[in-house]
Amino acid sequence: MFGYRHNFHAGNYADVVKHVVLTSLLQALQQKPKPFYLQDSHGGIGLYDLTSHEADKNREYLSGISRLWQAPNPPAAVRHYLDIVRTFNSGDELRYYPGSPRLGRALLRANDRMVVTELNTIDCETLKREFNGDRQVTVHLQDSYQGIKAYLPPTERRGLVLIDPAYELKDEYTRLVRGLQNGYQRWPTGIYALWYPLMSTTLRESFFAALKKTGIRKILTAELNITPLQTEKAMCGSGMIIINAPWQLDQQLKSELEWLWPLLSDAKEGGVNVEWLVPE
């Protein structure tokens, strides 16, 4: 369960897709003055040093955030995402990359609140130090799906749950769908954003079939493939499932991902797919 460490993958293309979508969702929540709630199910350590031994081993950020760093004319949400990343760096140098808890915190307003769960003891302690003294953020050493049961529904009534597992466990997709059902039963009006790797057509189809069987409506999928999707098990892209997506988010994400795709796909293969898996 603890073999995966995001330190080795921080800032890669999957992070870029996930965090651009997260930025877009939180900006949509900011459009109304009432406070919102953010729950991050797999917190990691919050902030990643791209010069660390772990990050330098595979240097995955070079095919992710680095390609956007100086790119001209990004869409508004991508520009805002990049502006947040720049606040953790000095000048034009890219050294630090904010994980989803740090990115989410940057988008909280004075009355908004965030709860983060992380099951790795060492990472959780690091994350607690990262937010030490921050009254808007609570960090728990806890299984993500237990956290969904424990903290929903929030008192704020509006907000977002980000579910971002490592997909190490054989039954992760089953646990993910079950966790989503538990959360939705407790808080059917909340927004849910689920990250998933695009590994094969078979996995994708079975995952989508399981989501459809839940009976949950208004399920949007947004995918960016850096290579064509194959039948064998090999990661060729990154996707987000969004439940209760804000109005016109599908059009916005299509525009953002189409801007990202030529930067992130070396062979200019694959493509972008944004569609309603289950309509309203």
C-alpha atoms as a PDB file:
ATOM      1  CA  MET A   1       0.000   0.000   0.000  1.00  0.00           C
ATOM      2  CA  PHE A   2       2.860   2.341   0.719  1.00  0.00           C
ATOM      3  CA  GLY A   3       5.097   1.542  -2.268  1.00  0.00           C
ATOM      4  CA  TYR A   4       3.876   4.554  -4.247  1.00  0.00           C
ATOM      5  CA  ARG A   5       5.543   7.884  -3.439  1.00  0.00           C
ATOM      6  CA  HIS A   6       4.454  10.893  -5.445  1.00  0.00           C
ATOM      7  CA  ASN A   7       7.881  12.487  -4.916  1.00  0.00           C
ATOM      8  CA  PHE A   8       9.048  10.507  -7.966  1.00  0.00           C
ATOM      9  CA  HIS A   9       6.229  11.775 -10.199  1.00  0.00           C
ATOM     10  CA  ALA A  10       5.493  15.346  -9.069  1.00  0.00           C
ATOM     11  CA  GLY A  11       4.772  17.784 -11.858  1.00  0.00           C
ATOM     12  CA  ASN A  12       4.342  15.151 -14.565  1.00  0.00           C
ATOM     13  CA  TYR A  13       1.729  15.419 -17.310  1.00  0.00           C
ATOM     14  CA  ALA A  14      -0.879  13.627 -15.185  1.00  0.00           C
ATOM     15  CA  ASP A  15      -0.397  16.212 -12.419  1.00  0.00           C
ATOM     16  CA  VAL A  16      -0.809  18.993 -14.964  1.00  0.00           C
ATOM     17  CA  VAL A  17      -4.128  17.607 -16.223  1.00  0.00           C
ATOM     18  CA  LYS A  18      -5.426  16.924 -12.706  1.00  0.00           C
ATOM     19  CA  HIS A  19      -4.421  20.315 -11.344  1.00  0.00           C
ATOM     20  CA  VAL A  20      -5.720  22.334 -14.279  1.00  0.00           C
ATOM     21  CA  VAL A  21      -9.100  20.617 -13.795  1.00  0.00           C
ATOM     22  CA  LEU A  22      -8.922  21.240 -10.032  1.00  0.00           C
ATOM     23  CA  THR A  23      -8.148  24.924 -10.622  1.00  0.00           C
ATOM     24  CA  SER A  24     -11.092  25.217 -13.021  1.00  0.00           C
ATOM     25  CA  LEU A  25     -13.457  23.615 -10.522  1.00  0.00           C
ATOM     26  CA  LEU A  26     -12.380  25.771  -7.591  1.00  0.00           C
ATOM     27  CA  GLN A  27     -12.578  28.926  -9.681  1.00  0.00           C
ATOM     28  CA  ALA A  28     -16.164  27.959 -10.519  1.00  0.00           C
ATOM     29  CA  LEU A  29     -16.930  27.585  -6.800  1.00  0.00           C
ATOM     30  CA  GLN A  30     -15.455  31.038  -6.195  1.00  0.00           C
ATOM     31  CA  GLN A  31     -18.122  32.593  -8.403  1.00  0.00           C
ATOM     32  CA  LYS A  32     -20.627  32.532  -5.527  1.00  0.00           C
ATOM     33  CA  PRO A  33     -19.926  34.353  -2.250  1.00  0.00           C
ATOM     34  CA  LYS A  34     -21.023  31.555   0.091  1.00  0.00           C
ATOM     35  CA  PRO A  35     -18.161  29.504   1.625  1.00  0.00           C
ATOM     36  CA  PHE A  36     -17.169  26.211   0.047  1.00  0.00           C
ATOM     37  CA  TYR A  37     -15.563  23.025   1.365  1.00  0.00           C
ATOM     38  CA  LEU A  38     -12.661  21.140  -0.223  1.00  0.00           C
ATOM     39  CA  GLN A  39     -11.725  17.573   0.722  1.00  0.00           C
ATOM     40  CA  ASP A  40      -8.516  16.059  -0.667  1.00  0.00           C
ATOM     41  CA  SER A  41      -8.524  12.287  -0.217  1.00  0.00           C
ATOM     42  CA  HIS A  42      -4.844  11.514  -0.947  1.00  0.00           C
ATOM     43  CA  GLY A  43      -2.816  14.470   0.291  1.00  0.00           C
ATOM     44  CA  GLY A  44       0.803  13.421  -0.203  1.00  0.00           C
ATOM     45  CA  ILE A  45       3.300  15.899   1.264  1.00  0.00           C
ATOM     46  CA  GLY A  46       1.889  19.131  -0.174  1.00  0.00           C
ATOM     47  CA  LEU A  47       4.995  20.622  -1.796  1.00  0.00           C
ATOM     48  CA  TYR A  48       7.632  18.833  -3.874  1.00  0.00           C
ATOM     49  CA  ASP A  49      11.255  19.798  -4.505  1.00  0.00           C
ATOM     50  CA  LEU A  50      11.996  18.984  -8.136  1.00  0.00           C
ATOM     51  CA  THR A  51      15.741  18.956  -7.409  1.00  0.00           C
ATOM     52  CA  SER A  52      15.361  16.194  -4.813  1.00  0.00           C
ATOM     53  CA  HIS A  53      16.861  12.757  -5.401  1.00  0.00           C
ATOM     54  CA  GLU A  54      13.393  11.248  -5.884  1.00  0.00           C
ATOM     55  CA  ALA A  55      12.168  13.810  -8.421  1.00  0.00           C
ATOM     56  CA  ASP A  56      15.500  13.821 -10.247  1.00  0.00           C
ATOM     57  CA  LYS A  57      15.492  10.052 -10.723  1.00  0.00           C
ATOM     58  CA  ASN A  58      12.942  10.010 -13.569  1.00  0.00           C
ATOM     59  CA  ARG A  59      12.600  13.784 -14.078  1.00  0.00           C
ATOM     60  CA  GLU A  60       8.961  13.346 -15.063  1.00  0.00           C
ATOM     61  CA  TYR A  61       8.310  17.058 -14.532  1.00  0.00           C
ATOM     62  CA  LEU A  62      10.302  17.737 -17.707  1.00  0.00           C
ATOM     63  CA  SER A  63       7.466  16.220 -19.740  1.00  0.00           C
ATOM     64  CA  GLY A  64       4.851  17.988 -17.621  1.00  0.00           C
ATOM     65  CA  ILE A  65       4.972  21.339 -15.844  1.00  0.00           C
ATOM     66  CA  SER A  66       8.288  22.332 -17.498  1.00  0.00           C
ATOM     67  CA  ARG A  67       6.647  22.360 -20.919  1.00  0.00           C
ATOM     68  CA  LEU A  68       4.066  24.886 -19.779  1.00  0.00           C
ATOM     69  CA  TRP A  69       6.418  27.073 -17.784  1.00  0.00           C
ATOM     70  CA  GLN A  70       7.156  29.600 -20.537  1.00  0.00           C
ATOM     71  CA  ALA A  71       4.401  28.689 -23.008  1.00  0.00           C
ATOM     72  CA  PRO A  72       2.619  31.765 -24.428  1.00  0.00           C
ATOM     73  CA  ASN A  73      -1.097  32.578 -24.270  1.00  0.00           C
ATOM     74  CA  PRO A  74      -2.466  29.884 -21.932  1.00  0.00           C
ATOM     75  CA  PRO A  75      -6.222  29.763 -21.252  1.00  0.00           C
ATOM     76  CA  ALA A  76      -7.333  31.690 -18.165  1.00  0.00           C
ATOM     77  CA  ALA A  77      -7.534  28.727 -15.763  1.00  0.00           C
ATOM     78  CA  VAL A  78      -4.178  27.366 -16.967  1.00  0.00           C
ATOM     79  CA  ARG A  79      -2.635  30.794 -16.482  1.00  0.00           C
ATOM     80  CA  HIS A  80      -4.023  30.963 -12.951  1.00  0.00           C
ATOM     81  CA  TYR A  81      -2.679  27.470 -12.215  1.00  0.00           C
ATOM     82  CA  LEU A  82       0.763  28.541 -13.466  1.00  0.00           C
ATOM     83  CA  ASP A  83       0.596  31.720 -11.402  1.00  0.00           C
ATOM     84  CA  ILE A  84       0.025  29.602  -8.280  1.00  0.00           C
ATOM     85  CA  VAL A  85       2.987  27.358  -9.119  1.00  0.00           C
ATOM     86  CA  ARG A  86       5.138  30.478  -9.597  1.00  0.00           C
ATOM     87  CA  THR A  87       4.355  31.698  -6.085  1.00  0.00           C
ATOM     88  CA  PHE A  88       6.373  28.734  -4.772  1.00  0.00           C
ATOM     89  CA  ASN A  89       9.354  29.527  -6.988  1.00  0.00           C
ATOM     90  CA  SER A  90      11.815  32.363  -7.430  1.00  0.00           C
ATOM     91  CA  GLY A  91      11.759  34.274 -10.705  1.00  0.00           C
ATOM     92  CA  ASP A  92      11.780  32.055 -13.790  1.00  0.00           C
ATOM     93  CA  GLU A  93      13.381  29.093 -11.996  1.00  0.00           C
ATOM     94  CA  LEU A  94      11.150  26.040 -11.593  1.00  0.00           C
ATOM     95  CA  ARG A  95      12.204  24.140  -8.475  1.00  0.00           C
ATOM     96  CA  TYR A  96       9.100  23.508  -6.383  1.00  0.00           C
ATOM     97  CA  TYR A  97       5.808  21.995  -7.427  1.00  0.00           C
ATOM     98  CA  PRO A  98       2.657  22.293  -5.277  1.00  0.00           C
ATOM     99  CA  GLY A  99       0.609  19.139  -4.865  1.00  0.00           C
ATOM    100  CA  SER A 100      -3.173  19.297  -4.750  1.00  0.00           C
ATOM    101  CA  PRO A 101      -3.375  20.354  -1.059  1.00  0.00           C
ATOM    102  CA  ARG A 102      -1.114  23.347  -1.686  1.00  0.00           C
ATOM    103  CA  LEU A 103      -2.848  24.198  -4.947  1.00  0.00           C
ATOM    104  CA  GLY A 104      -6.255  23.900  -3.284  1.00  0.00           C
ATOM    105  CA  ARG A 105      -5.162  26.046  -0.345  1.00  0.00           C
ATOM    106  CA  ALA A 106      -4.106  28.805  -2.716  1.00  0.00           C
ATOM    107  CA  LEU A 107      -7.656  28.907  -4.068  1.00  0.00           C
ATOM    108  CA  LEU A 108      -9.430  29.057  -0.716  1.00  0.00           C
ATOM    109  CA  ARG A 109     -10.962  32.371   0.301  1.00  0.00           C
ATOM    110  CA  ALA A 110     -11.108  33.624   3.897  1.00  0.00           C
ATOM    111  CA  ASN A 111     -14.268  31.631   4.806  1.00  0.00           C
ATOM    112  CA  ASP A 112     -13.532  28.455   2.857  1.00  0.00           C
ATOM    113  CA  ARG A 113     -12.223  25.262   4.447  1.00  0.00           C
ATOM    114  CA  MET A 114     -10.154  22.219   3.474  1.00  0.00           C
ATOM    115  CA  VAL A 115      -9.803  18.727   4.981  1.00  0.00           C
ATOM    116  CA  VAL A 116      -6.964  16.480   3.802  1.00  0.00           C
ATOM    117  CA  THR A 117      -6.469  12.770   4.490  1.00  0.00           C
ATOM    118  CA  GLU A 118      -3.229  10.847   3.982  1.00  0.00           C
ATOM    119  CA  LEU A 119      -2.547   7.258   5.063  1.00  0.00           C
ATOM    120  CA  ASN A 120       1.246   7.235   4.809  1.00  0.00           C
ATOM    121  CA  THR A 121       2.524   8.148   8.281  1.00  0.00           C
ATOM    122  CA  ILE A 122       5.679   9.946   7.133  1.00  0.00           C
ATOM    123  CA  ASP A 123       3.899  11.889   4.405  1.00  0.00           C
ATOM    124  CA  CYS A 124       1.080  12.825   6.763  1.00  0.00           C
ATOM    125  CA  GLU A 125       3.539  14.256   9.309  1.00  0.00           C
ATOM    126  CA  THR A 126       5.197  16.273   6.542  1.00  0.00           C
ATOM    127  CA  LEU A 127       1.802  17.528   5.421  1.00  0.00           C
ATOM    128  CA  LYS A 128       0.832  18.508   8.960  1.00  0.00           C
ATOM    129  CA  ARG A 129       4.005  20.575   9.244  1.00  0.00           C
ATOM    130  CA  GLU A 130       3.229  22.179   5.896  1.00  0.00           C
ATOM    131  CA  PHE A 131      -0.092  23.480   7.248  1.00  0.00           C
ATOM    132  CA  ASN A 132       0.881  23.976  10.871  1.00  0.00           C
ATOM    133  CA  GLY A 133      -1.106  26.864  12.339  1.00  0.00           C
ATOM    134  CA  ASP A 134      -3.417  27.177   9.331  1.00  0.00           C
ATOM    135  CA  ARG A 135      -6.949  27.348  10.757  1.00  0.00           C
ATOM    136  CA  GLN A 136      -8.590  26.718   7.388  1.00  0.00           C
ATOM    137  CA  VAL A 137      -6.855  23.377   6.839  1.00  0.00           C
ATOM    138  CA  THR A 138      -7.164  20.135   8.811  1.00  0.00           C
ATOM    139  CA  VAL A 139      -4.930  17.137   8.060  1.00  0.00           C
ATOM    140  CA  HIS A 140      -5.821  13.591   9.196  1.00  0.00           C
ATOM    141  CA  LEU A 141      -3.818  10.363   9.184  1.00  0.00           C
ATOM    142  CA  GLN A 142      -6.627   8.321   7.704  1.00  0.00           C
ATOM    143  CA  ASP A 143      -7.715   6.063   4.879  1.00  0.00           C
ATOM    144  CA  SER A 144      -9.233   8.173   2.125  1.00  0.00           C
ATOM    145  CA  TYR A 145     -12.512   6.258   1.933  1.00  0.00           C
ATOM    146  CA  GLN A 146     -12.957   6.310   5.693  1.00  0.00           C
ATOM    147  CA  GLY A 147     -12.442  10.058   5.466  1.00  0.00           C
ATOM    148  CA  ILE A 148     -15.220  10.344   2.918  1.00  0.00           C
ATOM    149  CA  LYS A 149     -17.563   8.614   5.373  1.00  0.00           C
ATOM    150  CA  ALA A 150     -16.349  10.682   8.310  1.00  0.00           C
ATOM    151  CA  TYR A 151     -16.427  14.239   6.952  1.00  0.00           C
ATOM    152  CA  LEU A 152     -19.386  14.349   4.597  1.00  0.00           C
ATOM    153  CA  PRO A 153     -21.696  16.148   4.372  1.00  0.00           C
ATOM    154  CA  PRO A 154     -19.889  19.387   5.244  1.00  0.00           C
ATOM    155  CA  THR A 155     -21.599  22.254   7.025  1.00  0.00           C
ATOM    156  CA  GLU A 156     -20.847  24.528   4.059  1.00  0.00           C
ATOM    157  CA  ARG A 157     -23.264  22.560   1.821  1.00  0.00           C
ATOM    158  CA  ARG A 158     -21.263  23.385  -1.322  1.00  0.00           C
ATOM    159  CA  GLY A 159     -17.820  22.265  -2.387  1.00  0.00           C
ATOM    160  CA  LEU A 160     -15.629  19.579  -3.873  1.00  0.00           C
ATOM    161  CA  VAL A 161     -14.151  16.179  -3.027  1.00  0.00           C
ATOM    162  CA  LEU A 162     -10.945  15.281  -4.892  1.00  0.00           C
ATOM    163  CA  ILE A 163     -10.249  11.537  -5.026  1.00  0.00           C
ATOM    164  CA  ASP A 164      -6.787  10.735  -6.338  1.00  0.00           C
ATOM    165  CA  PRO A 165      -5.579   7.197  -5.499  1.00  0.00           C
ATOM    166  CA  ALA A 166      -2.300   5.654  -6.632  1.00  0.00           C
ATOM    167  CA  TYR A 167      -4.085   2.608  -8.147  1.00  0.00           C
ATOM    168  CA  GLU A 168      -1.587   0.233  -6.526  1.00  0.00           C
ATOM    169  CA  LEU A 169      -4.191  -2.122  -5.097  1.00  0.00           C
ATOM    170  CA  LYS A 170      -5.846  -4.724  -7.312  1.00  0.00           C
ATOM    171  CA  ASP A 171      -9.284  -3.721  -6.071  1.00  0.00           C
ATOM    172  CA  GLU A 172      -8.676   0.051  -6.235  1.00  0.00           C
ATOM    173  CA  TYR A 173     -11.326   0.662  -8.887  1.00  0.00           C
ATOM    174  CA  THR A 174     -13.871  -1.248  -6.792  1.00  0.00           C
ATOM    175  CA  ARG A 175     -12.921   0.701  -3.669  1.00  0.00           C
ATOM    176  CA  LEU A 176     -13.069   3.940  -5.627  1.00  0.00           C
ATOM    177  CA  VAL A 177     -16.582   3.345  -6.947  1.00  0.00           C
ATOM    178  CA  ARG A 178     -17.793   2.175  -3.522  1.00  0.00           C
ATOM    179  CA  GLY A 179     -16.217   5.221  -1.858  1.00  0.00           C
ATOM    180  CA  LEU A 180     -17.849   7.491  -4.393  1.00  0.00           C
ATOM    181  CA  GLN A 181     -21.242   5.904  -3.743  1.00  0.00           C
ATOM    182  CA  ASN A 182     -20.797   6.383   0.007  1.00  0.00           C
ATOM    183  CA  GLY A 183     -19.882  10.014  -0.465  1.00  0.00           C
ATOM    184  CA  TYR A 184     -22.705  10.692  -2.897  1.00  0.00           C
ATOM    185  CA  GLN A 185     -25.289   9.149  -0.558  1.00  0.00           C
ATOM    186  CA  ARG A 186     -24.129  11.501   2.184  1.00  0.00           C
ATOM    187  CA  TRP A 187     -23.751  14.575  -0.007  1.00  0.00           C
ATOM    188  CA  PRO A 188     -25.523  14.281  -3.379  1.00  0.00           C
ATOM    189  CA  THR A 189     -25.140  17.977  -4.248  1.00  0.00           C
ATOM    190  CA  GLY A 190     -21.345  18.055  -3.838  1.00  0.00           C
ATOM    191  CA  ILE A 191     -18.888  18.056  -6.735  1.00  0.00           C
ATOM    192  CA  TYR A 192     -16.693  14.958  -6.997  1.00  0.00           C
ATOM    193  CA  ALA A 193     -13.504  14.889  -9.065  1.00  0.00           C
ATOM    194  CA  LEU A 194     -11.838  11.476  -9.560  1.00  0.00           C
ATOM    195  CA  TRP A 195      -8.455  11.148 -11.238  1.00  0.00           C
ATOM    196  CA  TYR A 196      -7.724   7.944 -13.167  1.00  0.00           C
ATOM    197  CA  PRO A 197      -4.903   6.716 -15.402  1.00  0.00           C
ATOM    198  CA  LEU A 198      -5.704   5.759 -18.976  1.00  0.00           C
ATOM    199  CA  MET A 199      -4.151   2.312 -18.979  1.00  0.00           C
ATOM    200  CA  SER A 200      -6.133   0.314 -21.536  1.00  0.00           C
ATOM    201  CA  THR A 201      -9.463   0.222 -23.312  1.00  0.00           C
ATOM    202  CA  THR A 202     -10.527  -2.785 -21.202  1.00  0.00           C
ATOM    203  CA  LEU A 203      -9.875  -1.077 -17.856  1.00  0.00           C
ATOM    204  CA  ARG A 204     -11.494   2.126 -19.040  1.00  0.00           C
ATOM    205  CA  GLU A 205     -14.649   0.386 -20.244  1.00  0.00           C
ATOM    206  CA  SER A 206     -15.054  -1.679 -17.061  1.00  0.00           C
ATOM    207  CA  PHE A 207     -14.507   1.410 -14.891  1.00  0.00           C
ATOM    208  CA  PHE A 208     -17.079   3.401 -16.849  1.00  0.00           C
ATOM    209  CA  ALA A 209     -19.555   0.515 -16.697  1.00  0.00           C
ATOM    210  CA  ALA A 210     -19.196   0.383 -12.901  1.00  0.00           C
ATOM    211  CA  LEU A 211     -19.795   4.133 -12.659  1.00  0.00           C
ATOM    212  CA  LYS A 212     -22.937   3.882 -14.770  1.00  0.00           C
ATOM    213  CA  LYS A 213     -24.294   1.112 -12.535  1.00  0.00           C
ATOM    214  CA  THR A 214     -24.186   3.424  -9.508  1.00  0.00           C
ATOM    215  CA  GLY A 215     -27.213   5.300 -10.836  1.00  0.00           C
ATOM    216  CA  ILE A 216     -25.437   8.631 -10.281  1.00  0.00           C
ATOM    217  CA  ARG A 217     -26.347  11.245 -12.875  1.00  0.00           C
ATOM    218  CA  LYS A 218     -24.406  14.133 -14.361  1.00  0.00           C
ATOM    219  CA  ILE A 219     -21.060  12.367 -14.802  1.00  0.00           C
ATOM    220  CA  LEU A 220     -18.552  14.145 -17.044  1.00  0.00           C
ATOM    221  CA  THR A 221     -15.288  12.639 -18.254  1.00  0.00           C
ATOM    222  CA  ALA A 222     -12.298  14.717 -19.399  1.00  0.00           C
ATOM    223  CA  GLU A 223      -9.303  12.885 -20.863  1.00  0.00           C
ATOM    224  CA  LEU A 224      -5.952  13.759 -22.394  1.00  0.00           C
ATOM    225  CA  ASN A 225      -4.072  10.966 -24.185  1.00  0.00           C
ATOM    226  CA  ILE A 226      -0.418  11.506 -25.015  1.00  0.00           C
ATOM    227  CA  THR A 227      -0.491   8.311 -27.136  1.00  0.00           C
ATOM    228  CA  PRO A 228      -3.440   6.373 -28.602  1.00  0.00           C
ATOM    229  CA  LEU A 229      -5.367   4.213 -26.136  1.00  0.00           C
ATOM    230  CA  GLN A 230      -4.412   0.551 -26.551  1.00  0.00           C
ATOM    231  CA  THR A 231      -5.865  -2.757 -25.438  1.00  0.00           C
ATOM    232  CA  GLU A 232      -2.773  -3.709 -23.407  1.00  0.00           C
ATOM    233  CA  LYS A 233      -2.036  -2.344 -19.951  1.00  0.00           C
ATOM    234  CA  ALA A 234       0.215   0.665 -20.553  1.00  0.00           C
ATOM    235  CA  MET A 235      -0.432   4.197 -19.320  1.00  0.00           C
ATOM    236  CA  CYS A 236      -1.073   6.454 -22.268  1.00  0.00           C
ATOM    237  CA  GLY A 237      -2.982   9.323 -20.724  1.00  0.00           C
ATOM    238  CA  SER A 238      -4.805  10.831 -17.801  1.00  0.00           C
ATOM    239  CA  GLY A 239      -8.467  11.437 -17.098  1.00  0.00           C
ATOM    240  CA  MET A 240     -10.832  13.046 -14.632  1.00  0.00           C
ATOM    241  CA  ILE A 241     -14.366  11.981 -13.765  1.00  0.00           C
ATOM    242  CA  ILE A 242     -16.417  14.948 -12.571  1.00  0.00           C
ATOM    243  CA  ILE A 243     -19.799  14.519 -10.922  1.00  0.00           C
ATOM    244  CA  ASN A 244     -22.098  17.549 -10.666  1.00  0.00           C
ATOM    245  CA  ALA A 245     -19.825  19.561 -12.934  1.00  0.00           C
ATOM    246  CA  PRO A 246     -20.536  23.322 -12.902  1.00  0.00           C
ATOM    247  CA  TRP A 247     -22.372  24.857 -15.843  1.00  0.00           C
ATOM    248  CA  GLN A 248     -20.346  24.965 -19.082  1.00  0.00           C
ATOM    249  CA  LEU A 249     -17.353  23.256 -17.481  1.00  0.00           C
ATOM    250  CA  ASP A 250     -17.335  20.681 -20.295  1.00  0.00           C
ATOM    251  CA  GLN A 251     -16.705  23.400 -22.880  1.00  0.00           C
ATOM    252  CA  GLN A 252     -14.076  25.061 -20.715  1.00  0.00           C
ATOM    253  CA  LEU A 253     -12.147  21.845 -20.078  1.00  0.00           C
ATOM    254  CA  LYS A 254     -12.212  20.909 -23.755  1.00  0.00           C
ATOM    255  CA  SER A 255     -10.580  24.223 -24.610  1.00  0.00           C
ATOM    256  CA  GLU A 256      -7.978  23.900 -21.841  1.00  0.00           C
ATOM    257  CA  LEU A 257      -7.039  20.310 -22.639  1.00  0.00           C
ATOM    258  CA  GLU A 258      -6.808  21.028 -26.361  1.00  0.00           C
ATOM    259  CA  TRP A 259      -4.314  23.777 -25.529  1.00  0.00           C
ATOM    260  CA  LEU A 260      -2.320  21.401 -23.297  1.00  0.00           C
ATOM    261  CA  TRP A 261      -2.294  18.402 -25.611  1.00  0.00           C
ATOM    262  CA  PRO A 262       0.306  19.509 -28.218  1.00  0.00           C
ATOM    263  CA  LEU A 263       2.639  20.554 -25.390  1.00  0.00           C
ATOM    264  CA  LEU A 264       2.367  17.256 -23.521  1.00  0.00           C
ATOM    265  CA  SER A 265       2.247  14.759 -26.401  1.00  0.00           C
ATOM    266  CA  ASP A 266       5.687  14.190 -27.980  1.00  0.00           C
ATOM    267  CA  ALA A 267       4.457  12.291 -31.012  1.00  0.00           C
ATOM    268  CA  LYS A 268       1.318  14.448 -31.324  1.00  0.00           C
ATOM    269  CA  GLU A 269      -0.708  11.268 -31.003  1.00  0.00           C
ATOM    270  CA  GLY A 270      -3.658  10.483 -28.788  1.00  0.00           C
ATOM    271  CA  GLY A 271      -5.910  13.481 -28.268  1.00  0.00           C
ATOM    272  CA  VAL A 272      -8.548  15.034 -26.055  1.00  0.00           C
ATOM    273  CA  ASN A 273     -11.935  13.608 -25.142  1.00  0.00           C
ATOM    274  CA  VAL A 274     -14.502  15.508 -23.075  1.00  0.00           C
ATOM    275  CA  GLU A 275     -17.971  13.987 -22.966  1.00  0.00           C
ATOM    276  CA  TRP A 276     -20.892  13.193 -20.688  1.00  0.00           C
ATOM    277  CA  LEU A 277     -20.614   9.612 -19.509  1.00  0.00           C
ATOM    278  CA  VAL A 278     -24.030   9.977 -17.870  1.00  0.00           C
ATOM    279  CA  PRO A 279     -26.151  13.070 -18.605  1.00  0.00           C
ATOM    280  CA  GLU A 280     -28.160  14.983 -16.039  1.00  0.00           C
END
